[in-house]
Protein backbone atom coordinates (compact mmCIF):
# COMPACT_ATOMS: atom_id res chain seq x y z
CA MET A 1 131.83 -13.89 35.55
CA GLY A 2 130.12 -15.39 38.55
CA ASN A 3 131.22 -16.25 42.03
CA VAL A 4 132.03 -19.78 43.15
CA TYR A 5 131.10 -21.03 46.60
CA LEU A 6 133.31 -23.95 47.61
CA THR A 7 130.79 -25.37 50.04
CA GLY A 8 131.00 -28.11 52.64
CA ALA A 9 127.93 -30.34 52.63
CA GLY A 10 128.72 -31.81 56.03
CA PRO A 11 128.98 -35.50 56.93
CA GLY A 12 125.63 -36.81 55.73
CA ASP A 13 122.86 -35.72 58.09
CA VAL A 14 121.16 -32.87 56.20
CA GLU A 15 120.46 -31.04 59.46
CA LEU A 16 124.22 -30.65 59.97
CA LEU A 17 124.41 -28.38 56.92
CA THR A 18 125.37 -24.84 57.94
CA LEU A 19 122.93 -21.96 57.54
CA LYS A 20 125.30 -20.21 55.14
CA ALA A 21 125.63 -23.31 52.98
CA ALA A 22 121.85 -23.65 52.87
CA ARG A 23 121.50 -20.02 51.76
CA VAL A 24 123.92 -20.25 48.82
CA ILE A 25 122.44 -23.57 47.73
CA LYS A 26 118.99 -21.94 47.55
CA GLU A 27 120.46 -19.12 45.44
CA ALA A 28 122.62 -21.29 43.16
CA ASP A 29 122.27 -21.26 39.38
CA VAL A 30 124.31 -24.47 39.15
CA ILE A 31 125.46 -26.99 41.74
CA ILE A 32 128.51 -29.12 41.01
CA TYR A 33 128.39 -31.93 43.52
CA ASP A 34 130.29 -35.05 44.53
CA ARG A 35 129.35 -38.54 45.71
CA LEU A 36 129.61 -37.84 49.44
CA ALA A 37 127.19 -34.90 49.45
CA ASN A 38 123.75 -36.02 50.59
CA PRO A 39 121.56 -35.82 47.45
CA ASP A 40 118.65 -34.60 49.56
CA ILE A 41 120.49 -31.27 49.81
CA LEU A 42 119.91 -30.70 46.09
CA GLU A 43 116.17 -30.52 46.76
CA MET A 44 116.79 -27.21 48.57
CA SER A 45 117.75 -25.51 45.29
CA LYS A 46 115.55 -23.14 43.33
CA ASP A 47 113.60 -24.02 40.20
CA GLY A 48 115.81 -24.09 37.12
CA CYS A 49 119.03 -24.80 38.99
CA GLU A 50 121.39 -27.01 36.99
CA PHE A 51 123.16 -30.02 38.51
CA VAL A 52 126.55 -31.39 37.49
CA TYR A 53 127.74 -34.65 39.07
CA VAL A 54 131.50 -35.06 39.38
CA GLY A 55 131.61 -37.84 41.96
CA LYS A 56 134.57 -40.06 42.70
CA GLU A 57 134.74 -43.44 44.34
CA ASP A 58 137.48 -45.96 44.89
CA GLY A 59 138.74 -47.16 41.52
CA ARG A 60 136.08 -45.31 39.53
CA HIS A 61 136.16 -41.58 38.77
CA ILE A 62 133.62 -39.77 36.63
CA MET A 63 136.40 -37.36 35.70
CA PRO A 64 139.91 -36.53 36.94
CA GLN A 65 140.47 -33.58 39.28
CA ASP A 66 141.96 -31.40 36.54
CA ASP A 67 138.76 -31.77 34.55
CA ILE A 68 136.64 -30.98 37.61
CA ASN A 69 138.62 -27.77 38.08
CA GLU A 70 137.85 -26.79 34.49
CA VAL A 71 134.15 -27.64 34.85
CA ILE A 72 133.91 -25.28 37.82
CA TYR A 73 135.73 -22.55 35.90
CA GLN A 74 133.59 -22.88 32.78
CA ASN A 75 130.39 -22.73 34.83
CA ALA A 76 131.66 -19.59 36.55
CA LEU A 77 131.93 -17.97 33.12
CA LYS A 78 128.27 -18.72 32.42
CA HIS A 79 126.51 -18.41 35.76
CA GLU A 80 126.30 -15.80 38.49
CA ASN A 81 126.15 -18.18 41.46
CA VAL A 82 128.06 -21.45 41.29
CA VAL A 83 128.05 -23.86 44.22
CA ARG A 84 130.71 -26.53 44.35
CA LEU A 85 129.19 -28.89 46.90
CA LYS A 86 131.64 -31.21 48.60
CA GLY A 87 131.04 -33.84 51.26
CA GLY A 88 132.32 -32.86 54.69
CA ASP A 89 134.61 -29.82 54.59
CA PRO A 90 136.21 -28.56 51.35
CA PHE A 91 139.68 -28.33 52.90
CA VAL A 92 139.76 -31.67 54.75
CA PHE A 93 140.94 -34.05 52.03
CA GLY A 94 138.39 -32.47 49.72
CA ARG A 95 140.90 -30.90 47.30
CA GLY A 96 139.13 -27.59 47.80
CA GLY A 97 142.47 -25.82 47.96
CA GLU A 98 143.35 -27.04 44.47
CA GLU A 99 140.01 -25.86 43.10
CA ALA A 100 140.36 -22.47 44.78
CA ALA A 101 143.88 -22.03 43.40
CA TYR A 102 142.68 -22.92 39.89
CA LEU A 103 139.97 -20.26 40.09
CA GLN A 104 142.28 -17.64 41.59
CA GLU A 105 144.77 -18.10 38.77
CA ARG A 106 141.97 -17.39 36.28
CA GLY A 107 140.54 -14.36 38.02
CA ILE A 108 137.38 -16.02 39.30
CA GLY A 109 136.03 -14.90 42.67
CA PHE A 110 135.41 -17.63 45.21
CA GLU A 111 134.33 -18.08 48.79
CA ILE A 112 135.01 -20.98 51.15
CA ILE A 113 132.05 -22.20 53.20
CA PRO A 114 133.35 -24.70 55.74
CA GLY A 115 131.42 -27.86 56.48
CA ILE A 116 131.35 -30.18 59.47
CA THR A 117 133.94 -32.84 58.79
CA SER A 118 133.16 -36.51 59.27
CA ALA A 119 136.46 -36.80 61.15
CA ILE A 120 134.78 -35.47 64.29
CA SER A 121 131.06 -35.79 63.56
CA ALA A 122 130.93 -39.50 62.65
CA PRO A 123 132.78 -40.50 65.83
CA ALA A 124 130.48 -38.18 67.81
CA TYR A 125 127.39 -39.90 66.37
CA ALA A 126 129.01 -43.22 67.29
CA GLY A 127 129.47 -42.08 70.90
CA ILE A 128 133.23 -41.69 70.48
CA PRO A 129 134.68 -38.29 71.44
CA VAL A 130 137.99 -37.70 69.66
CA THR A 131 139.27 -36.01 72.83
CA HIS A 132 138.30 -36.68 76.43
CA ARG A 133 139.79 -35.50 79.68
CA GLY A 134 142.09 -38.11 81.15
CA VAL A 135 141.98 -40.22 77.98
CA ALA A 136 143.03 -38.14 74.96
CA VAL A 137 144.27 -34.56 74.74
CA SER A 138 144.92 -34.59 70.98
CA PHE A 139 143.81 -36.21 67.76
CA ARG A 140 145.25 -36.63 64.28
CA VAL A 141 143.28 -36.81 61.02
CA VAL A 142 144.97 -38.83 58.29
CA THR A 143 144.13 -39.81 54.76
CA GLY A 144 143.64 -43.54 54.57
CA HIS A 145 143.75 -43.53 50.80
CA GLU A 146 147.15 -42.99 49.24
CA SER A 147 147.76 -43.64 45.57
CA PRO A 148 149.31 -47.09 45.05
CA ASN A 149 151.63 -45.44 42.50
CA LYS A 150 153.45 -43.48 45.21
CA LYS A 151 156.96 -44.87 45.70
CA VAL A 152 157.28 -43.23 49.11
CA SER A 153 154.38 -42.75 51.51
CA GLN A 154 153.73 -39.21 52.72
CA ILE A 155 152.12 -40.57 55.87
CA PRO A 156 154.54 -40.14 58.82
CA TRP A 157 153.77 -43.48 60.47
CA GLU A 158 156.58 -43.20 63.01
CA ASN A 159 154.94 -40.08 64.46
CA PHE A 160 151.82 -42.07 65.31
CA ARG A 161 153.51 -44.04 68.06
CA THR A 162 152.29 -41.74 70.84
CA ASP A 163 149.18 -40.23 69.27
CA ASP A 164 146.11 -40.30 71.53
CA THR A 165 143.46 -40.57 68.81
CA ILE A 166 143.94 -41.20 65.08
CA VAL A 167 141.13 -40.84 62.56
CA PHE A 168 141.69 -42.30 59.08
CA LEU A 169 139.37 -41.02 56.35
CA MET A 170 138.69 -43.08 53.22
CA GLY A 171 140.81 -45.93 54.58
CA LEU A 172 138.57 -48.98 54.68
CA HIS A 173 140.22 -50.72 51.73
CA ASN A 174 143.61 -50.07 53.29
CA LEU A 175 142.62 -51.33 56.74
CA PRO A 176 145.10 -54.26 56.67
CA LYS A 177 147.96 -51.88 55.82
CA ILE A 178 146.87 -49.35 58.45
CA THR A 179 146.70 -51.90 61.26
CA LYS A 180 150.00 -53.45 60.22
CA LYS A 181 151.79 -50.10 60.13
CA LEU A 182 150.43 -49.00 63.50
CA LYS A 183 151.61 -52.22 65.14
CA GLU A 184 155.01 -51.85 63.48
CA VAL A 185 155.49 -48.41 65.10
CA GLY A 186 154.57 -49.68 68.54
CA LYS A 187 150.80 -49.79 68.96
CA GLU A 188 149.71 -52.97 70.75
CA GLY A 189 147.49 -55.40 68.90
CA SER A 190 144.98 -54.97 71.72
CA PHE A 191 144.72 -51.22 71.07
CA PRO A 192 141.04 -50.22 70.59
CA CYS A 193 139.69 -49.15 67.21
CA ALA A 194 136.38 -48.74 65.45
CA VAL A 195 135.08 -48.54 61.90
CA ILE A 196 132.14 -46.22 61.30
CA SER A 197 130.18 -46.59 58.06
CA LYS A 198 127.89 -43.91 56.65
CA GLY A 199 128.28 -41.85 59.79
CA THR A 200 125.52 -39.45 60.93
CA THR A 201 122.96 -41.03 58.58
CA LYS A 202 120.18 -43.50 59.35
CA GLU A 203 122.33 -46.16 57.64
CA GLN A 204 125.17 -45.62 60.11
CA SER A 205 126.78 -48.80 61.39
CA VAL A 206 129.68 -49.19 63.80
CA VAL A 207 132.01 -52.09 64.55
CA VAL A 208 134.38 -51.97 67.50
CA GLY A 209 137.45 -54.12 68.00
CA THR A 210 141.22 -53.97 68.30
CA LEU A 211 144.05 -53.65 65.83
CA ASP A 212 144.24 -57.45 65.85
CA THR A 213 140.53 -58.10 65.30
CA ILE A 214 139.11 -55.17 63.35
CA ILE A 215 139.94 -56.50 59.87
CA ASP A 216 137.67 -59.53 60.27
CA LEU A 217 135.00 -57.58 62.13
CA ALA A 218 134.78 -54.90 59.43
CA LYS A 219 135.06 -57.12 56.36
CA ASP A 220 131.43 -56.56 55.34
CA VAL A 221 131.16 -52.89 56.28
CA PRO A 222 130.05 -50.69 53.34
CA THR A 223 131.77 -47.49 52.28
CA PRO A 224 132.07 -44.61 52.91
CA ALA A 225 133.67 -45.46 56.22
CA LEU A 226 136.31 -44.08 58.54
CA ILE A 227 138.56 -45.65 61.14
CA VAL A 228 139.11 -44.40 64.69
CA VAL A 229 142.09 -45.69 66.64
CA GLY A 230 142.49 -44.82 70.31
CA LYS A 231 141.35 -45.48 73.87
CA VAL A 232 138.48 -43.06 73.31
CA VAL A 233 136.78 -45.89 71.40
CA GLU A 234 136.10 -47.58 74.75
CA LEU A 235 133.89 -44.63 75.75
CA ARG A 236 131.27 -45.77 73.23
CA LYS A 237 130.00 -48.26 75.82
CA GLN A 238 128.95 -45.30 77.96
CA LEU A 239 128.23 -42.59 75.39
CA GLU A 240 126.45 -44.37 72.54
CA TRP A 241 123.32 -42.36 71.74
CA PHE A 242 122.58 -42.58 68.01
CA LYS A 243 121.01 -45.86 66.90
CA GLY A 244 121.87 -46.65 63.30
CA GLU A 245 121.99 -50.15 61.85
CA GLU A 246 124.48 -52.02 64.01
CA ALA A 247 126.92 -54.16 62.04
């Protein structure tokens, strides 16, 4: 039985891949990768490495998570070095914990290789620090994509009333709900927010507005995208440094 490396691919810019991730990718016998991992990373692999795509996107999954878990397990039975390459960080809404638990229950060795999450790196590339002295002393990272089949939301909206900075991942399609909920719990319609698409890549685009205006401003923004809500968004005027394709 081989060893599985649950590996964070980072937010998109290949140069943000960690040295450890690069090493195991070069040694991998098989790489099981998702949609958000930059495909250029696969070119770092050795000759003969196998590739298995298990990507997911809104409304269209190649395979359900239970099947992905089994694919990883079966490859660990056949190969010495298995890399499960996941966009961002495996434990930040990447379901890496579920995959690790599945392997542990079956006696498969695994290692977690953290990746730089888009929750902080995409705002940074947009010139938006998630914390800033005198502006924000904390930030919250929230899934913006809850299953529509859930009868009760697990998102504690009421707790967001006083949050300094809120970052919603995978939430573009739920932007109307997100803005509505935030205003219901007390955020002013004039509260600053931004949508960042394809952050840290050359295709990055950023739109800046308020809770009242962001839906119209971001209507043509492509996925993957994240949403930043907070007064730190206003710092982009001063700190913008990375020139992607402005929306």
